[in-house]
Structure formats: C-alpha cells, structure tokens
C-alpha atoms as a PDB file:
ATOM      1  CA  MET A   1      -0.086   0.086   0.148  1.00  0.00           C
ATOM      2  CA  ASP A   2       2.547   2.321   1.200  1.00  0.00           C
ATOM      3  CA  GLN A   3       4.842   1.314  -1.873  1.00  0.00           C
ATOM      4  CA  ASN A   4       1.658   2.456  -4.400  1.00  0.00           C
ATOM      5  CA  LYS A   5       1.303   5.662  -2.256  1.00  0.00           C
ATOM      6  CA  THR A   6       4.875   6.497  -3.083  1.00  0.00           C
ATOM      7  CA  LEU A   7       4.746   5.763  -6.902  1.00  0.00           C
ATOM      8  CA  LYS A   8       1.326   7.929  -7.246  1.00  0.00           C
ATOM      9  CA  GLN A   9       3.074  10.535  -5.197  1.00  0.00           C
ATOM     10  CA  MET A  10       6.294  10.552  -7.811  1.00  0.00           C
ATOM     11  CA  LEU A  11       3.978  10.114 -10.815  1.00  0.00           C
ATOM     12  CA  LEU A  12       1.801  13.393  -9.677  1.00  0.00           C
ATOM     13  CA  ASP A  13       4.921  15.575  -9.412  1.00  0.00           C
ATOM     14  CA  PRO A  14       3.695  18.573 -10.660  1.00  0.00           C
ATOM     15  CA  ILE A  15       7.406  19.155 -11.958  1.00  0.00           C
ATOM     16  CA  LYS A  16       7.855  15.386 -13.360  1.00  0.00           C
ATOM     17  CA  ILE A  17       3.922  16.697 -15.380  1.00  0.00           C
ATOM     18  CA  PHE A  18       5.520  19.764 -16.492  1.00  0.00           C
ATOM     19  CA  ALA A  19       8.590  18.303 -17.531  1.00  0.00           C
ATOM     20  CA  ALA A  20       6.779  16.122 -19.700  1.00  0.00           C
ATOM     21  CA  ALA A  21       4.127  18.577 -21.125  1.00  0.00           C
ATOM     22  CA  VAL A  22       7.394  20.684 -21.998  1.00  0.00           C
ATOM     23  CA  ALA A  23       9.201  17.918 -23.610  1.00  0.00           C
ATOM     24  CA  VAL A  24       6.289  16.698 -25.649  1.00  0.00           C
ATOM     25  CA  THR A  25       5.358  20.057 -26.594  1.00  0.00           C
ATOM     26  CA  ILE A  26       9.217  21.164 -28.302  1.00  0.00           C
ATOM     27  CA  GLY A  27       8.884  17.352 -29.301  1.00  0.00           C
ATOM     28  CA  VAL A  28       5.824  18.512 -31.957  1.00  0.00           C
ATOM     29  CA  LEU A  29       6.802  21.788 -32.885  1.00  0.00           C
ATOM     30  CA  SER A  30      10.144  20.737 -33.563  1.00  0.00           C
ATOM     31  CA  VAL A  31       8.321  18.336 -36.158  1.00  0.00           C
ATOM     32  CA  ILE A  32       5.786  20.981 -37.113  1.00  0.00           C
ATOM     33  CA  PHE A  33       8.430  23.653 -37.524  1.00  0.00           C
ATOM     34  CA  LYS A  34      11.552  21.447 -39.280  1.00  0.00           C
ATOM     35  CA  ILE A  35      13.472  22.008 -36.376  1.00  0.00           C
ATOM     36  CA  HIS A  36      17.485  21.272 -36.934  1.00  0.00           C
ATOM     37  CA  PRO A  37      18.140  18.198 -34.895  1.00  0.00           C
ATOM     38  CA  LEU A  38      21.488  19.671 -33.306  1.00  0.00           C
ATOM     39  CA  LEU A  39      19.121  22.468 -32.179  1.00  0.00           C
ATOM     40  CA  ALA A  40      16.047  20.596 -30.192  1.00  0.00           C
ATOM     41  CA  LEU A  41      18.780  17.945 -28.919  1.00  0.00           C
ATOM     42  CA  PRO A  42      19.918  20.482 -26.265  1.00  0.00           C
ATOM     43  CA  LEU A  43      16.656  21.257 -25.241  1.00  0.00           C
ATOM     44  CA  PHE A  44      15.443  17.659 -24.801  1.00  0.00           C
ATOM     45  CA  VAL A  45      18.229  17.368 -22.421  1.00  0.00           C
ATOM     46  CA  SER A  46      17.675  20.371 -20.383  1.00  0.00           C
ATOM     47  CA  VAL A  47      14.620  19.657 -19.933  1.00  0.00           C
ATOM     48  CA  VAL A  48      16.086  16.631 -17.695  1.00  0.00           C
ATOM     49  CA  ILE A  49      18.976  19.256 -16.677  1.00  0.00           C
ATOM     50  CA  SER A  50      15.951  21.682 -15.425  1.00  0.00           C
ATOM     51  CA  PHE A  51      13.881  18.995 -13.516  1.00  0.00           C
ATOM     52  CA  LEU A  52      17.286  18.089 -11.463  1.00  0.00           C
ATOM     53  CA  GLN A  53      18.265  21.693 -10.793  1.00  0.00           C
ATOM     54  CA  SER A  54      14.536  21.738  -9.271  1.00  0.00           C
ATOM     55  CA  LYS A  55      15.653  19.036  -6.812  1.00  0.00           C
ATOM     56  CA  VAL A  56      18.922  20.409  -6.291  1.00  0.00           C
ATOM     57  CA  ASN A  57      20.627  17.289  -7.328  1.00  0.00           C
ATOM     58  CA  ARG A  58      24.282  17.307  -8.528  1.00  0.00           C
ATOM     59  CA  TYR A  59      23.894  15.271 -11.305  1.00  0.00           C
ATOM     60  CA  CYS A  60      22.345  18.369 -13.133  1.00  0.00           C
ATOM     61  CA  PHE A  61      25.696  19.714 -13.228  1.00  0.00           C
ATOM     62  CA  LEU A  62      27.467  16.632 -15.142  1.00  0.00           C
ATOM     63  CA  ILE A  63      24.803  16.029 -17.537  1.00  0.00           C
ATOM     64  CA  GLY A  64      24.839  20.047 -18.102  1.00  0.00           C
ATOM     65  CA  ALA A  65      28.593  20.045 -18.829  1.00  0.00           C
ATOM     66  CA  ILE A  66      28.001  17.137 -21.621  1.00  0.00           C
ATOM     67  CA  ASN A  67      24.683  19.183 -22.705  1.00  0.00           C
ATOM     68  CA  ALA A  68      27.088  22.645 -23.262  1.00  0.00           C
ATOM     69  CA  ILE A  69      29.198  21.188 -25.966  1.00  0.00           C
ATOM     70  CA  PHE A  70      25.782  20.617 -27.801  1.00  0.00           C
ATOM     71  CA  TYR A  71      24.246  23.928 -26.957  1.00  0.00           C
ATOM     72  CA  ALA A  72      27.742  25.831 -28.304  1.00  0.00           C
ATOM     73  CA  ALA A  73      26.908  23.795 -31.393  1.00  0.00           C
ATOM     74  CA  ALA A  74      23.213  25.407 -31.595  1.00  0.00           C
ATOM     75  CA  TYR A  75      24.215  28.855 -30.695  1.00  0.00           C
ATOM     76  CA  TYR A  76      26.858  28.759 -33.607  1.00  0.00           C
ATOM     77  CA  ILE A  77      24.007  28.087 -35.669  1.00  0.00           C
ATOM     78  CA  MET A  78      22.100  31.220 -34.559  1.00  0.00           C
ATOM     79  CA  THR A  79      24.814  33.518 -34.679  1.00  0.00           C
ATOM     80  CA  LEU A  80      24.218  33.694 -31.029  1.00  0.00           C
ATOM     81  CA  TYR A  81      28.557  33.497 -31.199  1.00  0.00           C
ATOM     82  CA  SER A  82      29.209  34.972 -27.306  1.00  0.00           C
ATOM     83  CA  THR A  83      27.201  32.926 -25.557  1.00  0.00           C
ATOM     84  CA  ALA A  84      28.318  29.521 -28.225  1.00  0.00           C
ATOM     85  CA  ALA A  85      31.890  30.976 -26.682  1.00  0.00           C
ATOM     86  CA  TYR A  86      30.413  31.090 -23.266  1.00  0.00           C
ATOM     87  CA  ALA A  87      28.969  27.634 -23.591  1.00  0.00           C
ATOM     88  CA  LEU A  88      31.868  25.760 -24.769  1.00  0.00           C
ATOM     89  CA  LEU A  89      34.596  27.538 -23.259  1.00  0.00           C
ATOM     90  CA  ILE A  90      33.192  28.489 -19.916  1.00  0.00           C
ATOM     91  CA  SER A  91      30.106  26.604 -19.226  1.00  0.00           C
ATOM     92  CA  PHE A  92      31.517  22.947 -19.892  1.00  0.00           C
ATOM     93  CA  PRO A  93      34.512  23.092 -17.644  1.00  0.00           C
ATOM     94  CA  LEU A  94      32.474  24.956 -14.961  1.00  0.00           C
ATOM     95  CA  GLN A  95      29.841  22.775 -14.659  1.00  0.00           C
ATOM     96  CA  ALA A  96      32.251  19.797 -14.841  1.00  0.00           C
ATOM     97  CA  VAL A  97      34.294  21.397 -12.104  1.00  0.00           C
ATOM     98  CA  THR A  98      30.818  22.632  -9.790  1.00  0.00           C
ATOM     99  CA  PHE A  99      30.077  18.572 -10.157  1.00  0.00           C
ATOM    100  CA  ILE A 100      32.846  17.666  -8.380  1.00  0.00           C
ATOM    101  CA  THR A 101      33.084  20.483  -6.100  1.00  0.00           C
ATOM    102  CA  TRP A 102      29.179  19.637  -5.139  1.00  0.00           C
ATOM    103  CA  ASN A 103      30.148  15.378  -4.913  1.00  0.00           C
ATOM    104  CA  LYS A 104      32.596  16.838  -2.273  1.00  0.00           C
ATOM    105  CA  LYS A 105      30.798  18.788  -0.032  1.00  0.00           C
ATOM    106  CA  THR A 106      28.216  16.484   0.713  1.00  0.00           C
ATOM    107  CA  SER A 107      25.684  14.982   3.966  1.00  0.00           C
ATOM    108  CA  GLY A 108      23.409  12.648   3.768  1.00  0.00           C
ATOM    109  CA  GLY A 109      23.351  12.618   0.232  1.00  0.00           C
ATOM    110  CA  GLU A 110      22.721  16.398  -0.220  1.00  0.00           C
ATOM    111  CA  THR A 111      25.074  18.825  -1.334  1.00  0.00           C
ATOM    112  CA  GLN A 112      25.826  21.585   1.379  1.00  0.00           C
ATOM    113  CA  THR A 113      25.224  24.783  -0.172  1.00  0.00           C
ATOM    114  CA  ARG A 114      26.626  28.456   1.401  1.00  0.00           C
ATOM    115  CA  LYS A 115      24.865  32.266   1.270  1.00  0.00           C
ATOM    116  CA  MET A 116      26.822  35.427   0.256  1.00  0.00           C
ATOM    117  CA  SER A 117      27.796  37.956   2.319  1.00  0.00           C
ATOM    118  CA  ALA A 118      27.478  41.462   1.479  1.00  0.00           C
ATOM    119  CA  ARG A 119      30.628  42.043   0.797  1.00  0.00           C
ATOM    120  CA  THR A 120      30.654  39.119  -1.973  1.00  0.00           C
ATOM    121  CA  ARG A 121      27.259  40.564  -3.476  1.00  0.00           C
ATOM    122  CA  ILE A 122      28.736  44.357  -3.960  1.00  0.00           C
ATOM    123  CA  LEU A 123      32.278  42.757  -5.419  1.00  0.00           C
ATOM    124  CA  LEU A 124      30.224  40.490  -7.751  1.00  0.00           C
ATOM    125  CA  ALA A 125      28.198  43.300  -8.870  1.00  0.00           C
ATOM    126  CA  ILE A 126      31.360  45.565  -9.946  1.00  0.00           C
ATOM    127  CA  SER A 127      33.003  42.468 -11.690  1.00  0.00           C
ATOM    128  CA  MET A 128      29.719  41.439 -13.755  1.00  0.00           C
ATOM    129  CA  ILE A 129      29.551  45.138 -14.971  1.00  0.00           C
ATOM    130  CA  ALA A 130      33.141  44.882 -15.755  1.00  0.00           C
ATOM    131  CA  ALA A 131      33.098  42.196 -17.328  1.00  0.00           C
ATOM    132  CA  TRP A 132      30.062  43.042 -19.560  1.00  0.00           C
ATOM    133  CA  VAL A 133      31.753  46.044 -20.706  1.00  0.00           C
ATOM    134  CA  ILE A 134      34.916  43.838 -21.897  1.00  0.00           C
ATOM    135  CA  LEU A 135      33.070  41.259 -23.563  1.00  0.00           C
ATOM    136  CA  TYR A 136      30.594  43.803 -25.160  1.00  0.00           C
ATOM    137  CA  LEU A 137      33.670  45.339 -27.048  1.00  0.00           C
ATOM    138  CA  VAL A 138      35.158  42.281 -28.086  1.00  0.00           C
ATOM    139  CA  PHE A 139      31.696  40.363 -29.350  1.00  0.00           C
ATOM    140  CA  HIS A 140      31.046  43.766 -31.033  1.00  0.00           C
ATOM    141  CA  SER A 141      33.629  43.336 -33.395  1.00  0.00           C
ATOM    142  CA  LEU A 142      32.440  39.909 -33.879  1.00  0.00           C
ATOM    143  CA  GLY A 143      28.950  40.794 -35.568  1.00  0.00           C
ATOM    144  CA  SER A 144      27.053  39.048 -33.069  1.00  0.00           C
ATOM    145  CA  ASP A 145      23.251  39.025 -33.790  1.00  0.00           C
ATOM    146  CA  TYR A 146      21.235  41.065 -30.523  1.00  0.00           C
ATOM    147  CA  LEU A 147      24.366  41.995 -28.835  1.00  0.00           C
ATOM    148  CA  ILE A 148      23.070  43.837 -26.086  1.00  0.00           C
ATOM    149  CA  PHE A 149      20.618  40.593 -25.442  1.00  0.00           C
ATOM    150  CA  ASP A 150      23.739  38.075 -25.918  1.00  0.00           C
ATOM    151  CA  ASN A 151      25.996  39.690 -24.277  1.00  0.00           C
ATOM    152  CA  THR A 152      24.000  40.417 -21.237  1.00  0.00           C
ATOM    153  CA  ILE A 153      23.365  36.576 -21.356  1.00  0.00           C
ATOM    154  CA  THR A 154      26.763  35.218 -21.461  1.00  0.00           C
ATOM    155  CA  VAL A 155      27.841  37.432 -18.543  1.00  0.00           C
ATOM    156  CA  ILE A 156      25.490  36.392 -16.460  1.00  0.00           C
ATOM    157  CA  GLY A 157      25.946  33.066 -17.371  1.00  0.00           C
ATOM    158  CA  ILE A 158      29.365  32.935 -16.316  1.00  0.00           C
ATOM    159  CA  VAL A 159      28.906  34.569 -12.819  1.00  0.00           C
ATOM    160  CA  GLY A 160      25.824  32.038 -11.832  1.00  0.00           C
ATOM    161  CA  THR A 161      28.404  28.946 -12.976  1.00  0.00           C
ATOM    162  CA  ILE A 162      31.284  30.208 -11.198  1.00  0.00           C
ATOM    163  CA  ILE A 163      29.271  30.599  -7.701  1.00  0.00           C
ATOM    164  CA  ALA A 164      27.759  27.671  -8.180  1.00  0.00           C
ATOM    165  CA  ALA A 165      30.512  26.100  -8.426  1.00  0.00           C
ATOM    166  CA  MET A 166      31.431  27.697  -5.231  1.00  0.00           C
ATOM    167  CA  ARG A 167      28.474  26.410  -3.694  1.00  0.00           C
ATOM    168  CA  PHE A 168      26.323  29.976  -3.446  1.00  0.00           C
ATOM    169  CA  ALA A 169      22.473  28.886  -3.404  1.00  0.00           C
ATOM    170  CA  GLU A 170      22.500  32.468  -5.088  1.00  0.00           C
ATOM    171  CA  TYR A 171      23.327  30.759  -8.388  1.00  0.00           C
ATOM    172  CA  ALA A 172      19.914  29.701  -8.874  1.00  0.00           C
ATOM    173  CA  PHE A 173      18.284  33.063  -8.474  1.00  0.00           C
ATOM    174  CA  ILE A 174      20.973  34.316 -10.943  1.00  0.00           C
ATOM    175  CA  LYS A 175      19.372  31.819 -13.284  1.00  0.00           C
ATOM    176  CA  VAL A 176      16.311  33.034 -13.159  1.00  0.00           C
ATOM    177  CA  ALA A 177      17.547  36.271 -13.787  1.00  0.00           C
ATOM    178  CA  SER A 178      19.322  34.693 -16.882  1.00  0.00           C
ATOM    179  CA  ASP A 179      16.111  32.735 -17.989  1.00  0.00           C
ATOM    180  CA  CYS A 180      13.901  36.076 -17.660  1.00  0.00           C
ATOM    181  CA  ILE A 181      16.125  37.879 -20.227  1.00  0.00           C
ATOM    182  CA  ASN A 182      16.486  35.030 -22.189  1.00  0.00           C
ATOM    183  CA  ILE A 183      12.768  34.915 -22.395  1.00  0.00           C
ATOM    184  CA  ALA A 184      12.553  38.608 -23.577  1.00  0.00           C
ATOM    185  CA  LEU A 185      15.654  37.581 -26.427  1.00  0.00           C
ATOM    186  CA  TYR A 186      12.945  34.823 -27.563  1.00  0.00           C
ATOM    187  CA  ILE A 187      10.218  37.070 -27.910  1.00  0.00           C
ATOM    188  CA  THR A 188      12.165  39.664 -29.851  1.00  0.00           C
ATOM    189  CA  MET A 189      13.598  36.735 -31.948  1.00  0.00           C
ATOM    190  CA  MET A 190       9.884  35.412 -32.444  1.00  0.00           C
ATOM    191  CA  ILE A 191       9.594  38.531 -34.648  1.00  0.00           C
ATOM    192  CA  THR A 192      11.675  37.977 -37.359  1.00  0.00           C
ATOM    193  CA  ASP A 193      11.531  34.006 -36.737  1.00  0.00           C
ATOM    194  CA  HIS A 194       8.494  32.484 -35.088  1.00  0.00           C
ATOM    195  CA  THR A 195      10.380  28.995 -34.280  1.00  0.00           C
ATOM    196  CA  ASN A 196      11.717  30.737 -31.406  1.00  0.00           C
ATOM    197  CA  VAL A 197       8.659  29.822 -29.856  1.00  0.00           C
ATOM    198  CA  ILE A 198      10.524  26.672 -28.577  1.00  0.00           C
ATOM    199  CA  TRP A 199      12.892  27.978 -26.930  1.00  0.00           C
ATOM    200  CA  LEU A 200      10.697  30.640 -25.124  1.00  0.00           C
ATOM    201  CA  ILE A 201       8.480  27.595 -23.539  1.00  0.00           C
ATOM    202  CA  PHE A 202      11.795  25.888 -22.552  1.00  0.00           C
ATOM    203  CA  THR A 203      12.974  28.711 -21.101  1.00  0.00           C
ATOM    204  CA  VAL A 204       9.503  29.762 -18.784  1.00  0.00           C
ATOM    205  CA  TYR A 205       9.950  25.984 -17.709  1.00  0.00           C
ATOM    206  CA  SER A 206      13.592  26.703 -16.605  1.00  0.00           C
ATOM    207  CA  ALA A 207      13.119  29.506 -14.848  1.00  0.00           C
ATOM    208  CA  THR A 208      10.791  28.088 -12.685  1.00  0.00           C
ATOM    209  CA  CYS A 209      12.616  25.263 -12.098  1.00  0.00           C
ATOM    210  CA  ALA A 210      15.392  27.534 -11.427  1.00  0.00           C
ATOM    211  CA  MET A 211      13.099  29.701  -8.897  1.00  0.00           C
ATOM    212  CA  ILE A 212      12.100  26.234  -7.017  1.00  0.00           C
ATOM    213  CA  ALA A 213      15.452  25.207  -6.254  1.00  0.00           C
ATOM    214  CA  PHE A 214      16.618  28.679  -4.894  1.00  0.00           C
ATOM    215  CA  ILE A 215      13.451  28.327  -2.904  1.00  0.00           C
ATOM    216  CA  LYS A 216      14.280  25.054  -1.435  1.00  0.00           C
ATOM    217  CA  MET A 217      17.877  25.875  -0.577  1.00  0.00           C
ATOM    218  CA  ASN A 218      16.961  29.160   1.499  1.00  0.00           C
ATOM    219  CA  LYS A 219      14.463  26.736   2.974  1.00  0.00           C
ATOM    220  CA  ALA A 220      17.001  24.121   3.709  1.00  0.00           C
ATOM    221  CA  LYS A 221      19.568  27.054   4.966  1.00  0.00           C
ATOM    222  CA  LYS A 222      17.037  28.266   7.314  1.00  0.00           C
ATOM    223  CA  GLU A 223      16.314  24.799   8.791  1.00  0.00           C
ATOM    224  CA  THR A 224      19.626  24.429   9.555  1.00  0.00           C
ATOM    225  CA  SER A 225      20.466  27.399  11.518  1.00  0.00           C
ATOM    226  CA  VAL A 226      17.704  27.302  14.203  1.00  0.00           C
END
C-alpha cells in the first residue's frame, strides 16, 4: 500500500508533469517547424537538467557539462557567437568542476550550499559590470546578432556558473535572472523567426525550476540555522 502511495506521489509530481508536457511540446513543435536535430537535442537534455536542478540534484551539472557542447553548436548555428563561446569555453569546464565540488561537499546525500555575504555581493556586482563592458567591446567586433541580449546572458551565465561551483545558493536566483532575459530575447527573435517559440517555452520552464531550487536551498539553510 505504501509503495503504491509513493509511486502515485512520484507520478503526480507537478514538476515531472510540467517537464513531460514541455518535452512533448518541444518534440511536436520541432517536427512542425522542421527544426534541425542539432538545435532540438540540447533542449530535450536541458528539460532533464532543469528538472534535476529543481530537486537540487548535483548530477544536473554533470549532464549540463556534456550538454554545453551541444548548446555551443546550436548557438553557433543561431549566430549567437558570444553565447556559443560561453557554452563551450566557460560552461562546459565550469559545470564539470561544479559537479566535482558539489560531489565532495555532501551530507546525507545532499550538497551543502552556503549564502553570500554583503561584501561578496557588492564585489560580484562590480565584476559583472566590468565583464559586461569588456565582452561587449570584444564581441561587437564579431558582429553577433542581438548583441546586448547575447552579451548580458553570457555575463550572467558565467557569473552564475562560477558561484554555483563555489556552492552559493544565489546561483539559482541568478539563473532565474538569466532566464528572464532569455525570455525577452526569444520574444524579440520571434518577430523574425516564429520557431523561437520553442526556446521561449523551454526558458519559462527553466526559470520555474531554478526558482524552485532557490526556494528549496533557502528553506534548507533556514532549517539548519534554527
């Protein structure tokens, strides 16, 4: 009886249902819009990664490192060069390192995260502004499409991945911010290419999973500090 109840709870998990719905929708739209398999593949993998992230599961980083290679190819095809460079040169190695770091700092099978100090947040903000200006000047010469969106997403992505490797719980909040900018980007891109609705749907799902992860980590911190 208990096993049946547990199985029912697993099957009725709202996030699992959401993930399944998003995966099916992406699959159907990919066929309708005749999306290149190389562009669709990382999205399907990312559905799984985001689900694991919502559970604060460290294996999301291991799978994410592998998926970064697929994303680099996809972003290159979409002429988002700075984001493609970030995926291959930054996201891939950092996510691999993050998995190793999270795997070492576990207790009871769960990774021990920590919160940023006010000083760290200020230094982080200053670093993000400096990095944005530098990368903007670099990638402006490459003629990247949607430069402001592309560059902002790249900077936030780099920062988010680095602080995730340092086990700061705020990485999930930064992921939400990145996804929100991505949503604006894909809405803008839909004006000229309606197939971007696929990435828009996924990004809304991704932001939801990241917010759930952030709430869970903050709740866990409050419980342990009591």
